[in-house]
């Protein structure tokens, strides 16, 4: 008999951490996407244009921060709580821009298509299944962040400027390709900067 504590599986236990084997399966393609980050952002903007064309900057900022956080999670292996907080921040920021929470399924489909396109001949059924599982894990966190932002907006007193603002989680503000070392494997992020509250613009890497 051991004294190992039982895993908390109650409703407040939080999401399961990402499976290391899943991350291992998606990292080769994520590294290629990070090396061509501008192309990744452009493809995402084109794929979901009908959803974002009326958002600020025609949705470019939304696509850019989405791509960067997806790659940050895939390549840097952050602690589970930091990963969840970063996704909540992303969901809040997208909500502040007016992105419909119901369309994260569409975003997930777009991201899987882009991962496949940018992987070329290196794509496999195993890789595809891993990316799908990865985005299935992301989606409820993004939706939770959007709900938090909507709840904050509903609770604010329009006549008061003293309503608290949620400060976003620390997210790597450098270009995601900088997470890769010379061998193409994730390198520890340095000088992480916290983006502003959801109503502010996304962090500007390298500026």
N, C-alpha and C. Protein backbone atom coordinates (compact mmCIF):
# COMPACT_ATOMS: atom_id res chain seq x y z
N UNK A 1 0.85 -1.19 0.00
CA UNK A 1 0.00 0.00 0.00
C UNK A 1 0.88 1.23 0.00
N UNK A 2 0.53 2.22 -0.89
CA UNK A 2 1.32 3.44 -0.99
C UNK A 2 0.53 4.61 -0.45
N UNK A 3 1.25 5.67 -0.18
CA UNK A 3 0.61 6.89 0.30
C UNK A 3 0.46 7.94 -0.79
N UNK A 4 0.58 7.52 -2.05
CA UNK A 4 0.46 8.46 -3.14
C UNK A 4 -0.94 9.05 -3.17
N UNK A 5 -1.06 10.38 -3.20
CA UNK A 5 -2.39 11.00 -3.21
C UNK A 5 -3.14 10.69 -4.49
N UNK A 6 -4.42 10.52 -4.35
CA UNK A 6 -5.25 10.26 -5.52
C UNK A 6 -5.37 11.52 -6.35
N UNK A 7 -5.45 11.35 -7.67
CA UNK A 7 -5.61 12.48 -8.57
C UNK A 7 -6.99 13.08 -8.40
N UNK A 8 -7.04 14.40 -8.34
CA UNK A 8 -8.31 15.10 -8.21
C UNK A 8 -9.03 15.08 -9.54
N UNK A 9 -10.16 14.43 -9.59
CA UNK A 9 -10.94 14.36 -10.84
C UNK A 9 -12.28 15.05 -10.70
N UNK A 10 -12.43 15.87 -9.68
CA UNK A 10 -13.68 16.60 -9.47
C UNK A 10 -13.85 17.71 -10.47
N UNK A 11 -15.00 18.39 -10.44
CA UNK A 11 -15.29 19.43 -11.42
C UNK A 11 -14.33 20.59 -11.37
N UNK A 12 -13.66 20.82 -10.23
CA UNK A 12 -12.74 21.95 -10.10
C UNK A 12 -11.29 21.53 -10.30
N UNK A 13 -11.08 20.31 -10.77
CA UNK A 13 -9.72 19.81 -10.90
C UNK A 13 -8.96 20.48 -12.04
N UNK A 14 -9.68 21.11 -12.97
CA UNK A 14 -9.03 21.74 -14.10
C UNK A 14 -8.81 20.75 -15.23
N UNK A 15 -8.36 21.25 -16.39
CA UNK A 15 -8.19 20.37 -17.54
C UNK A 15 -7.01 19.43 -17.36
N UNK A 16 -7.07 18.30 -18.04
CA UNK A 16 -5.93 17.40 -18.05
C UNK A 16 -4.76 18.08 -18.75
N UNK A 17 -3.54 17.86 -18.28
CA UNK A 17 -2.39 18.43 -18.99
C UNK A 17 -2.23 17.78 -20.35
N UNK A 18 -1.57 18.47 -21.25
CA UNK A 18 -1.34 17.92 -22.57
C UNK A 18 -0.46 16.68 -22.49
N UNK A 19 -0.80 15.68 -23.25
CA UNK A 19 -0.05 14.44 -23.29
C UNK A 19 1.32 14.68 -23.92
N UNK A 20 2.42 14.36 -23.24
CA UNK A 20 3.75 14.56 -23.83
C UNK A 20 3.92 13.86 -25.17
N UNK A 21 3.30 12.69 -25.33
CA UNK A 21 3.40 11.98 -26.60
C UNK A 21 2.71 12.76 -27.72
N UNK A 22 1.60 13.43 -27.39
CA UNK A 22 0.91 14.25 -28.37
C UNK A 22 1.80 15.40 -28.81
N UNK A 23 2.42 16.08 -27.83
CA UNK A 23 3.30 17.20 -28.16
C UNK A 23 4.48 16.73 -29.01
N UNK A 24 5.00 15.57 -28.68
CA UNK A 24 6.13 15.03 -29.46
C UNK A 24 5.72 14.80 -30.91
N UNK A 25 4.47 14.38 -31.12
CA UNK A 25 4.00 14.10 -32.47
C UNK A 25 3.81 15.36 -33.31
N UNK A 26 3.43 16.47 -32.67
CA UNK A 26 3.14 17.68 -33.45
C UNK A 26 4.35 18.62 -33.57
N UNK A 27 5.37 18.41 -32.78
CA UNK A 27 6.47 19.37 -32.76
C UNK A 27 7.25 19.49 -34.07
N UNK A 28 7.50 18.41 -34.80
CA UNK A 28 8.22 18.59 -36.07
C UNK A 28 7.46 19.52 -37.02
N UNK A 29 6.15 19.33 -37.15
CA UNK A 29 5.38 20.22 -38.03
C UNK A 29 5.24 21.60 -37.42
N UNK A 30 5.10 21.70 -36.09
CA UNK A 30 5.02 23.01 -35.45
C UNK A 30 6.30 23.80 -35.67
N UNK A 31 7.45 23.12 -35.66
CA UNK A 31 8.73 23.80 -35.89
C UNK A 31 8.78 24.39 -37.30
N UNK A 32 8.26 23.65 -38.29
CA UNK A 32 8.23 24.18 -39.65
C UNK A 32 7.28 25.37 -39.74
N UNK A 33 6.17 25.29 -39.05
CA UNK A 33 5.22 26.41 -39.05
C UNK A 33 5.82 27.64 -38.37
N UNK A 34 6.58 27.43 -37.32
CA UNK A 34 7.22 28.53 -36.62
C UNK A 34 8.28 29.20 -37.48
N UNK A 35 8.98 28.40 -38.26
CA UNK A 35 10.02 28.94 -39.13
C UNK A 35 9.43 29.80 -40.24
N UNK A 36 8.14 29.61 -40.54
CA UNK A 36 7.44 30.42 -41.54
C UNK A 36 6.20 31.03 -40.90
N UNK A 37 6.41 31.68 -39.76
CA UNK A 37 5.28 32.17 -38.97
C UNK A 37 4.39 33.14 -39.75
N UNK A 38 4.99 34.03 -40.54
CA UNK A 38 4.19 34.98 -41.31
C UNK A 38 3.25 34.26 -42.27
N UNK A 39 3.74 33.18 -42.87
CA UNK A 39 2.89 32.39 -43.76
C UNK A 39 1.76 31.74 -42.99
N UNK A 40 2.06 31.23 -41.82
CA UNK A 40 1.04 30.63 -40.96
C UNK A 40 -0.07 31.65 -40.67
N UNK A 41 0.32 32.84 -40.27
CA UNK A 41 -0.67 33.87 -39.95
C UNK A 41 -1.49 34.23 -41.19
N UNK A 42 -0.82 34.37 -42.33
CA UNK A 42 -1.51 34.74 -43.56
C UNK A 42 -2.53 33.66 -43.96
N UNK A 43 -2.13 32.40 -43.88
CA UNK A 43 -3.05 31.32 -44.23
C UNK A 43 -4.25 31.28 -43.30
N UNK A 44 -4.02 31.53 -42.01
CA UNK A 44 -5.14 31.54 -41.06
C UNK A 44 -6.08 32.69 -41.38
N UNK A 45 -5.53 33.87 -41.67
CA UNK A 45 -6.36 35.02 -42.00
C UNK A 45 -7.20 34.76 -43.24
N UNK A 46 -6.61 34.10 -44.23
CA UNK A 46 -7.35 33.79 -45.45
C UNK A 46 -8.43 32.75 -45.19
N UNK A 47 -8.11 31.74 -44.37
CA UNK A 47 -9.05 30.63 -44.16
C UNK A 47 -10.29 31.08 -43.39
N UNK A 48 -10.12 31.98 -42.45
CA UNK A 48 -11.28 32.40 -41.62
C UNK A 48 -11.69 33.85 -41.93
N UNK A 49 -11.38 34.29 -43.16
CA UNK A 49 -11.65 35.68 -43.54
C UNK A 49 -13.10 36.09 -43.31
N UNK A 50 -14.03 35.19 -43.62
CA UNK A 50 -15.45 35.55 -43.47
C UNK A 50 -15.84 35.80 -42.02
N UNK A 51 -15.05 35.26 -41.09
CA UNK A 51 -15.35 35.44 -39.66
C UNK A 51 -14.69 36.67 -39.08
N UNK A 52 -13.58 37.11 -39.69
CA UNK A 52 -12.78 38.16 -39.05
C UNK A 52 -12.70 39.45 -39.85
N UNK A 53 -13.24 39.48 -41.04
CA UNK A 53 -13.04 40.66 -41.90
C UNK A 53 -13.59 41.94 -41.29
N UNK A 54 -14.60 41.81 -40.41
CA UNK A 54 -15.19 43.01 -39.79
C UNK A 54 -14.59 43.32 -38.43
N UNK A 55 -13.61 42.56 -37.99
CA UNK A 55 -12.97 42.79 -36.71
C UNK A 55 -11.85 43.83 -36.88
N UNK A 56 -11.32 44.36 -35.78
CA UNK A 56 -10.22 45.33 -35.90
C UNK A 56 -9.08 44.78 -36.75
N UNK A 57 -8.55 45.63 -37.63
CA UNK A 57 -7.43 45.26 -38.49
C UNK A 57 -7.77 44.05 -39.34
N UNK A 58 -9.06 43.91 -39.68
CA UNK A 58 -9.56 42.77 -40.48
C UNK A 58 -9.15 41.43 -39.89
N UNK A 59 -9.02 41.39 -38.57
CA UNK A 59 -8.74 40.14 -37.88
C UNK A 59 -7.28 39.72 -37.89
N UNK A 60 -6.39 40.57 -38.43
CA UNK A 60 -4.98 40.17 -38.50
C UNK A 60 -4.39 39.95 -37.11
N UNK A 61 -4.70 40.87 -36.19
CA UNK A 61 -4.16 40.73 -34.84
C UNK A 61 -4.65 39.44 -34.18
N UNK A 62 -5.92 39.12 -34.38
CA UNK A 62 -6.48 37.88 -33.83
C UNK A 62 -5.72 36.67 -34.39
N UNK A 63 -5.50 36.66 -35.69
CA UNK A 63 -4.80 35.52 -36.31
C UNK A 63 -3.36 35.45 -35.84
N UNK A 64 -2.73 36.60 -35.69
CA UNK A 64 -1.33 36.62 -35.29
C UNK A 64 -1.16 36.10 -33.87
N UNK A 65 -1.98 36.59 -32.94
CA UNK A 65 -1.82 36.12 -31.56
C UNK A 65 -2.25 34.66 -31.42
N UNK A 66 -3.23 34.23 -32.21
CA UNK A 66 -3.64 32.83 -32.17
C UNK A 66 -2.50 31.94 -32.64
N UNK A 67 -1.88 32.28 -33.76
CA UNK A 67 -0.78 31.48 -34.29
C UNK A 67 0.37 31.43 -33.29
N UNK A 68 0.70 32.56 -32.69
CA UNK A 68 1.84 32.61 -31.78
C UNK A 68 1.61 31.78 -30.52
N UNK A 69 0.39 31.84 -29.98
CA UNK A 69 0.14 31.06 -28.77
C UNK A 69 0.06 29.57 -29.09
N UNK A 70 -0.52 29.22 -30.22
CA UNK A 70 -0.54 27.81 -30.62
C UNK A 70 0.88 27.26 -30.71
N UNK A 71 1.77 28.01 -31.36
CA UNK A 71 3.15 27.55 -31.51
C UNK A 71 3.91 27.59 -30.19
N UNK A 72 3.63 28.59 -29.38
CA UNK A 72 4.26 28.67 -28.05
C UNK A 72 3.91 27.44 -27.22
N UNK A 73 2.65 27.05 -27.24
CA UNK A 73 2.22 25.88 -26.49
C UNK A 73 2.83 24.60 -27.05
N UNK A 74 2.88 24.52 -28.37
CA UNK A 74 3.38 23.29 -29.00
C UNK A 74 4.89 23.12 -28.82
N UNK A 75 5.62 24.24 -28.76
CA UNK A 75 7.08 24.15 -28.78
C UNK A 75 7.77 24.38 -27.45
N UNK A 76 7.12 25.09 -26.55
CA UNK A 76 7.84 25.46 -25.33
C UNK A 76 7.46 24.64 -24.11
N UNK A 77 6.40 23.83 -24.22
CA UNK A 77 6.00 22.93 -23.12
C UNK A 77 5.86 23.68 -21.80
N UNK A 78 4.99 24.70 -21.73
CA UNK A 78 4.83 25.44 -20.48
C UNK A 78 4.08 24.62 -19.44
N UNK A 79 4.15 25.01 -18.17
CA UNK A 79 3.35 24.32 -17.15
C UNK A 79 1.86 24.40 -17.51
N UNK A 80 1.10 23.42 -17.04
CA UNK A 80 -0.32 23.33 -17.42
C UNK A 80 -1.08 24.59 -17.04
N UNK A 81 -0.81 25.16 -15.85
CA UNK A 81 -1.57 26.34 -15.44
C UNK A 81 -1.23 27.54 -16.32
N UNK A 82 0.04 27.66 -16.73
CA UNK A 82 0.42 28.76 -17.62
C UNK A 82 -0.22 28.59 -19.00
N UNK A 83 -0.30 27.34 -19.47
CA UNK A 83 -0.93 27.08 -20.76
C UNK A 83 -2.40 27.48 -20.73
N UNK A 84 -3.09 27.08 -19.66
CA UNK A 84 -4.51 27.41 -19.55
C UNK A 84 -4.71 28.92 -19.44
N UNK A 85 -3.89 29.59 -18.65
CA UNK A 85 -4.02 31.03 -18.49
C UNK A 85 -3.78 31.76 -19.80
N UNK A 86 -2.81 31.29 -20.58
CA UNK A 86 -2.54 31.94 -21.86
C UNK A 86 -3.72 31.77 -22.82
N UNK A 87 -4.36 30.61 -22.78
CA UNK A 87 -5.53 30.39 -23.64
C UNK A 87 -6.73 31.20 -23.17
N UNK A 88 -6.88 31.34 -21.86
CA UNK A 88 -7.94 32.20 -21.36
C UNK A 88 -7.72 33.64 -21.81
N UNK A 89 -6.45 34.09 -21.74
CA UNK A 89 -6.15 35.44 -22.22
C UNK A 89 -6.51 35.58 -23.70
N UNK A 90 -6.15 34.57 -24.50
CA UNK A 90 -6.45 34.62 -25.93
C UNK A 90 -7.95 34.67 -26.16
N UNK A 91 -8.71 33.84 -25.43
CA UNK A 91 -10.16 33.86 -25.58
C UNK A 91 -10.75 35.21 -25.19
N UNK A 92 -10.21 35.82 -24.14
CA UNK A 92 -10.69 37.14 -23.71
C UNK A 92 -10.35 38.21 -24.75
N UNK A 93 -9.12 38.15 -25.27
CA UNK A 93 -8.71 39.14 -26.27
C UNK A 93 -9.56 39.02 -27.53
N UNK A 94 -9.84 37.80 -27.95
CA UNK A 94 -10.67 37.60 -29.13
C UNK A 94 -12.10 38.06 -28.88
N UNK A 95 -12.61 37.82 -27.68
CA UNK A 95 -13.94 38.29 -27.32
C UNK A 95 -14.00 39.82 -27.36
N UNK A 96 -12.94 40.45 -26.86
CA UNK A 96 -12.90 41.91 -26.87
C UNK A 96 -12.92 42.46 -28.30
N UNK A 97 -12.35 41.70 -29.24
CA UNK A 97 -12.37 42.12 -30.65
C UNK A 97 -13.70 41.84 -31.32
N UNK A 98 -14.56 41.05 -30.66
CA UNK A 98 -15.86 40.74 -31.24
C UNK A 98 -15.94 39.40 -31.94
N UNK A 99 -14.96 38.53 -31.72
CA UNK A 99 -15.00 37.22 -32.37
C UNK A 99 -16.05 36.35 -31.72
N UNK A 100 -16.92 35.68 -32.51
CA UNK A 100 -17.98 34.85 -31.94
C UNK A 100 -17.44 33.56 -31.32
N UNK A 101 -17.79 33.32 -30.07
CA UNK A 101 -17.29 32.14 -29.36
C UNK A 101 -17.70 30.84 -30.05
N UNK A 102 -18.83 30.85 -30.72
CA UNK A 102 -19.33 29.63 -31.36
C UNK A 102 -18.48 29.19 -32.55
N UNK A 103 -17.57 30.04 -33.00
CA UNK A 103 -16.80 29.72 -34.21
C UNK A 103 -15.42 29.13 -33.94
N UNK A 104 -15.13 28.75 -32.70
CA UNK A 104 -13.82 28.16 -32.44
C UNK A 104 -13.68 26.79 -33.10
N UNK A 105 -14.79 26.12 -33.38
CA UNK A 105 -14.73 24.87 -34.14
C UNK A 105 -14.16 25.15 -35.52
N UNK A 106 -14.63 26.23 -36.14
CA UNK A 106 -14.14 26.61 -37.47
C UNK A 106 -12.65 26.93 -37.42
N UNK A 107 -12.23 27.64 -36.38
CA UNK A 107 -10.82 27.96 -36.24
C UNK A 107 -9.99 26.69 -36.10
N UNK A 108 -10.48 25.74 -35.32
CA UNK A 108 -9.78 24.47 -35.17
C UNK A 108 -9.62 23.74 -36.48
N UNK A 109 -10.69 23.70 -37.28
CA UNK A 109 -10.60 23.05 -38.59
C UNK A 109 -9.57 23.75 -39.47
N UNK A 110 -9.58 25.09 -39.43
CA UNK A 110 -8.63 25.86 -40.23
C UNK A 110 -7.19 25.56 -39.81
N UNK A 111 -6.96 25.50 -38.51
CA UNK A 111 -5.61 25.26 -38.02
C UNK A 111 -5.10 23.87 -38.40
N UNK A 112 -5.97 22.89 -38.38
CA UNK A 112 -5.55 21.54 -38.79
C UNK A 112 -5.22 21.52 -40.28
N UNK A 113 -6.05 22.18 -41.09
CA UNK A 113 -5.76 22.24 -42.53
C UNK A 113 -4.42 22.92 -42.80
N UNK A 114 -4.15 24.01 -42.07
CA UNK A 114 -2.91 24.75 -42.28
C UNK A 114 -1.71 23.91 -41.84
N UNK A 115 -1.85 23.23 -40.71
CA UNK A 115 -0.76 22.37 -40.24
C UNK A 115 -0.44 21.31 -41.30
N UNK A 116 -1.48 20.78 -41.90
CA UNK A 116 -1.26 19.75 -42.93
C UNK A 116 -0.59 20.35 -44.16
N UNK A 117 -1.08 21.51 -44.60
CA UNK A 117 -0.51 22.16 -45.78
C UNK A 117 0.96 22.51 -45.58
N UNK A 118 1.29 23.01 -44.41
CA UNK A 118 2.66 23.46 -44.16
C UNK A 118 3.60 22.30 -43.83
N UNK A 119 3.04 21.13 -43.54
CA UNK A 119 3.87 19.96 -43.25
C UNK A 119 4.29 19.23 -44.51
N UNK A 120 3.55 19.40 -45.60
CA UNK A 120 3.91 18.77 -46.86
C UNK A 120 3.96 17.26 -46.76
N UNK A 121 5.03 16.67 -47.29
CA UNK A 121 5.16 15.22 -47.32
C UNK A 121 5.43 14.63 -45.95
N UNK A 122 5.72 15.47 -44.97
CA UNK A 122 5.98 14.98 -43.61
C UNK A 122 4.71 14.72 -42.82
N UNK A 123 3.55 15.00 -43.42
CA UNK A 123 2.28 14.79 -42.73
C UNK A 123 1.94 13.31 -42.72
N UNK A 124 1.37 12.85 -41.63
CA UNK A 124 0.95 11.45 -41.51
C UNK A 124 -0.36 11.40 -40.76
N UNK A 125 -0.99 10.23 -40.78
CA UNK A 125 -2.23 10.06 -40.03
C UNK A 125 -2.00 10.30 -38.55
N UNK A 126 -0.87 9.85 -38.05
CA UNK A 126 -0.54 10.05 -36.64
C UNK A 126 -0.40 11.53 -36.32
N UNK A 127 0.28 12.25 -37.20
CA UNK A 127 0.44 13.69 -36.99
C UNK A 127 -0.92 14.39 -37.01
N UNK A 128 -1.75 14.03 -37.97
CA UNK A 128 -3.07 14.65 -38.07
C UNK A 128 -3.91 14.38 -36.83
N UNK A 129 -3.91 13.15 -36.36
CA UNK A 129 -4.68 12.83 -35.15
C UNK A 129 -4.18 13.62 -33.95
N UNK A 130 -2.87 13.78 -33.87
CA UNK A 130 -2.30 14.52 -32.74
C UNK A 130 -2.70 15.99 -32.78
N UNK A 131 -2.66 16.61 -33.97
CA UNK A 131 -3.08 18.01 -34.08
C UNK A 131 -4.56 18.17 -33.74
N UNK A 132 -5.38 17.23 -34.17
CA UNK A 132 -6.81 17.30 -33.85
C UNK A 132 -7.02 17.23 -32.35
N UNK A 133 -6.34 16.32 -31.69
CA UNK A 133 -6.46 16.22 -30.22
C UNK A 133 -5.95 17.48 -29.54
N UNK A 134 -4.89 18.05 -30.08
CA UNK A 134 -4.33 19.28 -29.53
C UNK A 134 -5.36 20.41 -29.59
N UNK A 135 -6.01 20.58 -30.73
CA UNK A 135 -6.99 21.65 -30.86
C UNK A 135 -8.27 21.36 -30.08
N UNK A 136 -8.60 20.08 -29.91
CA UNK A 136 -9.75 19.74 -29.06
C UNK A 136 -9.47 20.14 -27.60
N UNK A 137 -8.19 20.07 -27.21
CA UNK A 137 -7.82 20.49 -25.86
C UNK A 137 -7.86 22.01 -25.75
N UNK A 138 -7.45 22.72 -26.80
CA UNK A 138 -7.44 24.19 -26.77
C UNK A 138 -8.83 24.80 -26.70
N UNK A 139 -9.75 24.23 -27.45
CA UNK A 139 -11.04 24.87 -27.66
C UNK A 139 -11.78 25.23 -26.38
N UNK A 140 -11.98 24.32 -25.43
CA UNK A 140 -12.74 24.71 -24.23
C UNK A 140 -12.04 25.79 -23.41
N UNK A 141 -10.70 25.86 -23.48
CA UNK A 141 -9.99 26.92 -22.76
C UNK A 141 -10.23 28.28 -23.41
N UNK A 142 -10.26 28.31 -24.72
CA UNK A 142 -10.56 29.54 -25.43
C UNK A 142 -11.99 30.00 -25.14
N UNK A 143 -12.91 29.05 -25.15
CA UNK A 143 -14.31 29.38 -24.87
C UNK A 143 -14.48 29.88 -23.44
N UNK A 144 -13.74 29.28 -22.51
CA UNK A 144 -13.81 29.71 -21.11
C UNK A 144 -13.31 31.14 -20.97
N UNK A 145 -12.23 31.47 -21.67
CA UNK A 145 -11.72 32.85 -21.64
C UNK A 145 -12.72 33.83 -22.21
N UNK A 146 -13.38 33.43 -23.29
CA UNK A 146 -14.39 34.31 -23.89
C UNK A 146 -15.56 34.53 -22.94
N UNK A 147 -15.96 33.47 -22.24
CA UNK A 147 -17.06 33.62 -21.28
C UNK A 147 -16.65 34.53 -20.13
N UNK A 148 -15.40 34.43 -19.69
CA UNK A 148 -14.93 35.31 -18.62
C UNK A 148 -15.00 36.76 -19.06
N UNK A 149 -14.56 37.03 -20.30
CA UNK A 149 -14.59 38.41 -20.79
C UNK A 149 -16.03 38.91 -20.90
N UNK A 150 -16.93 38.04 -21.39
CA UNK A 150 -18.33 38.45 -21.51
C UNK A 150 -18.93 38.71 -20.13
N UNK A 151 -18.55 37.89 -19.15
CA UNK A 151 -19.05 38.09 -17.79
C UNK A 151 -18.55 39.37 -17.18
N UNK A 152 -17.27 39.70 -17.43
CA UNK A 152 -16.72 40.96 -16.93
C UNK A 152 -17.45 42.15 -17.54
N UNK A 153 -17.72 42.07 -18.87
CA UNK A 153 -18.41 43.17 -19.53
C UNK A 153 -19.80 43.36 -18.97
N UNK A 154 -20.51 42.24 -18.71
CA UNK A 154 -21.87 42.33 -18.20
C UNK A 154 -21.90 42.89 -16.79
N UNK A 155 -20.85 42.62 -16.02
CA UNK A 155 -20.82 43.04 -14.62
C UNK A 155 -20.33 44.47 -14.42
N UNK A 156 -19.75 45.06 -15.45
CA UNK A 156 -19.20 46.40 -15.31
C UNK A 156 -20.30 47.43 -15.15
N UNK A 157 -20.02 48.44 -14.35
CA UNK A 157 -20.91 49.59 -14.20
C UNK A 157 -20.49 50.62 -15.23
N UNK A 158 -21.31 50.92 -16.24
CA UNK A 158 -20.90 51.85 -17.29
C UNK A 158 -20.54 53.23 -16.76
N UNK A 159 -21.09 53.60 -15.59
CA UNK A 159 -20.84 54.93 -15.06
C UNK A 159 -19.56 55.00 -14.25
N UNK A 160 -18.90 53.85 -14.08
CA UNK A 160 -17.71 53.83 -13.23
C UNK A 160 -16.48 53.43 -14.03
N UNK A 161 -15.37 54.11 -13.76
CA UNK A 161 -14.12 53.75 -14.39
C UNK A 161 -13.25 52.91 -13.46
N UNK A 162 -13.87 52.46 -12.35
CA UNK A 162 -13.10 51.75 -11.34
C UNK A 162 -13.26 50.24 -11.43
N UNK A 163 -13.98 49.76 -12.43
CA UNK A 163 -14.15 48.31 -12.55
C UNK A 163 -12.80 47.66 -12.76
N UNK A 164 -12.56 46.55 -12.11
CA UNK A 164 -11.24 45.90 -12.23
C UNK A 164 -11.03 45.36 -13.63
N UNK A 165 -9.80 45.42 -14.07
CA UNK A 165 -9.42 44.85 -15.36
C UNK A 165 -8.62 43.59 -15.11
N UNK A 166 -8.93 42.56 -15.85
CA UNK A 166 -8.20 41.30 -15.71
C UNK A 166 -6.84 41.45 -16.38
N UNK A 167 -5.79 41.11 -15.66
CA UNK A 167 -4.45 41.14 -16.24
C UNK A 167 -4.16 39.78 -16.86
N UNK A 168 -3.74 39.77 -18.09
CA UNK A 168 -3.53 38.51 -18.81
C UNK A 168 -2.33 37.76 -18.26
N UNK A 169 -2.32 36.45 -18.55
CA UNK A 169 -1.19 35.61 -18.13
C UNK A 169 0.04 35.96 -18.92
N UNK A 170 1.21 35.63 -18.35
CA UNK A 170 2.47 35.85 -19.06
C UNK A 170 2.49 34.95 -20.29
N UNK A 171 2.77 35.56 -21.44
CA UNK A 171 2.89 34.81 -22.69
C UNK A 171 4.16 35.28 -23.36
N UNK A 172 4.86 34.38 -23.97
CA UNK A 172 6.12 34.74 -24.61
C UNK A 172 5.87 35.80 -25.67
N UNK A 173 6.58 36.92 -25.57
CA UNK A 173 6.37 38.03 -26.49
C UNK A 173 7.41 38.09 -27.59
N UNK A 174 8.32 37.15 -27.62
CA UNK A 174 9.28 37.12 -28.71
C UNK A 174 8.71 36.30 -29.85
N UNK A 175 9.26 36.48 -31.03
CA UNK A 175 8.80 35.68 -32.17
C UNK A 175 8.97 34.21 -31.85
N UNK A 176 7.97 33.41 -32.21
CA UNK A 176 7.97 32.01 -31.80
C UNK A 176 9.16 31.25 -32.36
N UNK A 177 9.65 31.67 -33.52
CA UNK A 177 10.80 30.96 -34.08
C UNK A 177 12.00 31.06 -33.15
N UNK A 178 12.05 32.07 -32.29
CA UNK A 178 13.15 32.20 -31.35
C UNK A 178 13.12 31.13 -30.27
N UNK A 179 12.02 30.39 -30.17
CA UNK A 179 11.95 29.29 -29.21
C UNK A 179 12.76 28.08 -29.67
N UNK A 180 13.20 28.11 -30.92
CA UNK A 180 13.91 26.97 -31.47
C UNK A 180 15.41 27.21 -31.39
N UNK A 181 16.13 26.18 -30.98
CA UNK A 181 17.58 26.30 -31.00
C UNK A 181 18.10 25.84 -32.35
N UNK A 182 19.40 25.76 -32.49
CA UNK A 182 19.97 25.47 -33.80
C UNK A 182 19.59 24.08 -34.30
N UNK A 183 19.27 23.17 -33.39
CA UNK A 183 18.89 21.82 -33.82
C UNK A 183 17.41 21.71 -34.15
N UNK A 184 16.65 22.83 -33.99
CA UNK A 184 15.23 22.79 -34.30
C UNK A 184 14.38 22.26 -33.18
N UNK A 185 14.92 22.20 -31.95
CA UNK A 185 14.14 21.72 -30.82
C UNK A 185 13.80 22.88 -29.93
N UNK A 186 12.73 22.78 -29.11
CA UNK A 186 12.33 23.92 -28.30
C UNK A 186 13.43 24.35 -27.34
N UNK A 187 13.68 25.64 -27.31
CA UNK A 187 14.64 26.21 -26.37
C UNK A 187 13.90 27.03 -25.34
N UNK A 188 14.41 27.17 -24.13
CA UNK A 188 13.69 27.91 -23.10
C UNK A 188 13.46 29.35 -23.51
N UNK A 189 12.25 29.84 -23.28
CA UNK A 189 11.94 31.23 -23.58
C UNK A 189 12.57 32.13 -22.53
N UNK A 190 12.98 33.32 -22.96
CA UNK A 190 13.58 34.28 -22.05
C UNK A 190 12.88 35.62 -22.19
N UNK A 191 13.00 36.45 -21.15
CA UNK A 191 12.45 37.81 -21.19
C UNK A 191 10.98 37.81 -21.57
N UNK A 192 10.22 36.95 -20.94
CA UNK A 192 8.80 36.90 -21.24
C UNK A 192 8.13 38.19 -20.76
N UNK A 193 7.21 38.67 -21.57
CA UNK A 193 6.50 39.90 -21.22
C UNK A 193 5.02 39.59 -21.14
N UNK A 194 4.35 40.21 -20.21
CA UNK A 194 2.91 40.01 -20.08
C UNK A 194 2.19 40.93 -21.04
N UNK A 195 1.33 40.41 -21.90
CA UNK A 195 0.52 41.28 -22.73
C UNK A 195 -0.44 42.06 -21.85
N UNK A 196 -1.04 43.09 -22.40
CA UNK A 196 -1.95 43.90 -21.61
C UNK A 196 -3.25 43.20 -21.37
N UNK A 197 -4.17 43.89 -20.73
CA UNK A 197 -5.50 43.35 -20.51
C UNK A 197 -6.16 43.10 -21.85
N UNK A 198 -7.24 42.30 -21.90
CA UNK A 198 -7.81 41.89 -23.19
C UNK A 198 -8.14 43.01 -24.13
N UNK A 199 -8.48 44.22 -23.63
CA UNK A 199 -8.88 45.29 -24.52
C UNK A 199 -7.70 45.90 -25.26
N UNK A 200 -6.48 45.58 -24.82
CA UNK A 200 -5.30 46.14 -25.47
C UNK A 200 -4.89 45.31 -26.65
N UNK A 201 -3.99 45.88 -27.50
CA UNK A 201 -3.46 45.14 -28.63
C UNK A 201 -2.60 44.00 -28.15
N UNK A 202 -2.37 43.05 -29.05
CA UNK A 202 -1.51 41.92 -28.74
C UNK A 202 -0.08 42.40 -28.56
N UNK A 203 0.78 41.61 -27.87
CA UNK A 203 2.18 42.00 -27.75
C UNK A 203 2.87 42.03 -29.10
N UNK A 204 3.80 42.93 -29.28
CA UNK A 204 4.51 43.10 -30.52
C UNK A 204 5.90 42.47 -30.43
N UNK A 205 6.09 41.24 -30.89
CA UNK A 205 7.40 40.60 -30.80
C UNK A 205 8.45 41.36 -31.58
N UNK A 206 9.60 41.45 -30.99
CA UNK A 206 10.76 41.96 -31.69
C UNK A 206 10.77 43.45 -31.91
N UNK A 207 9.76 44.17 -31.37
CA UNK A 207 9.71 45.61 -31.59
C UNK A 207 10.19 46.34 -30.36
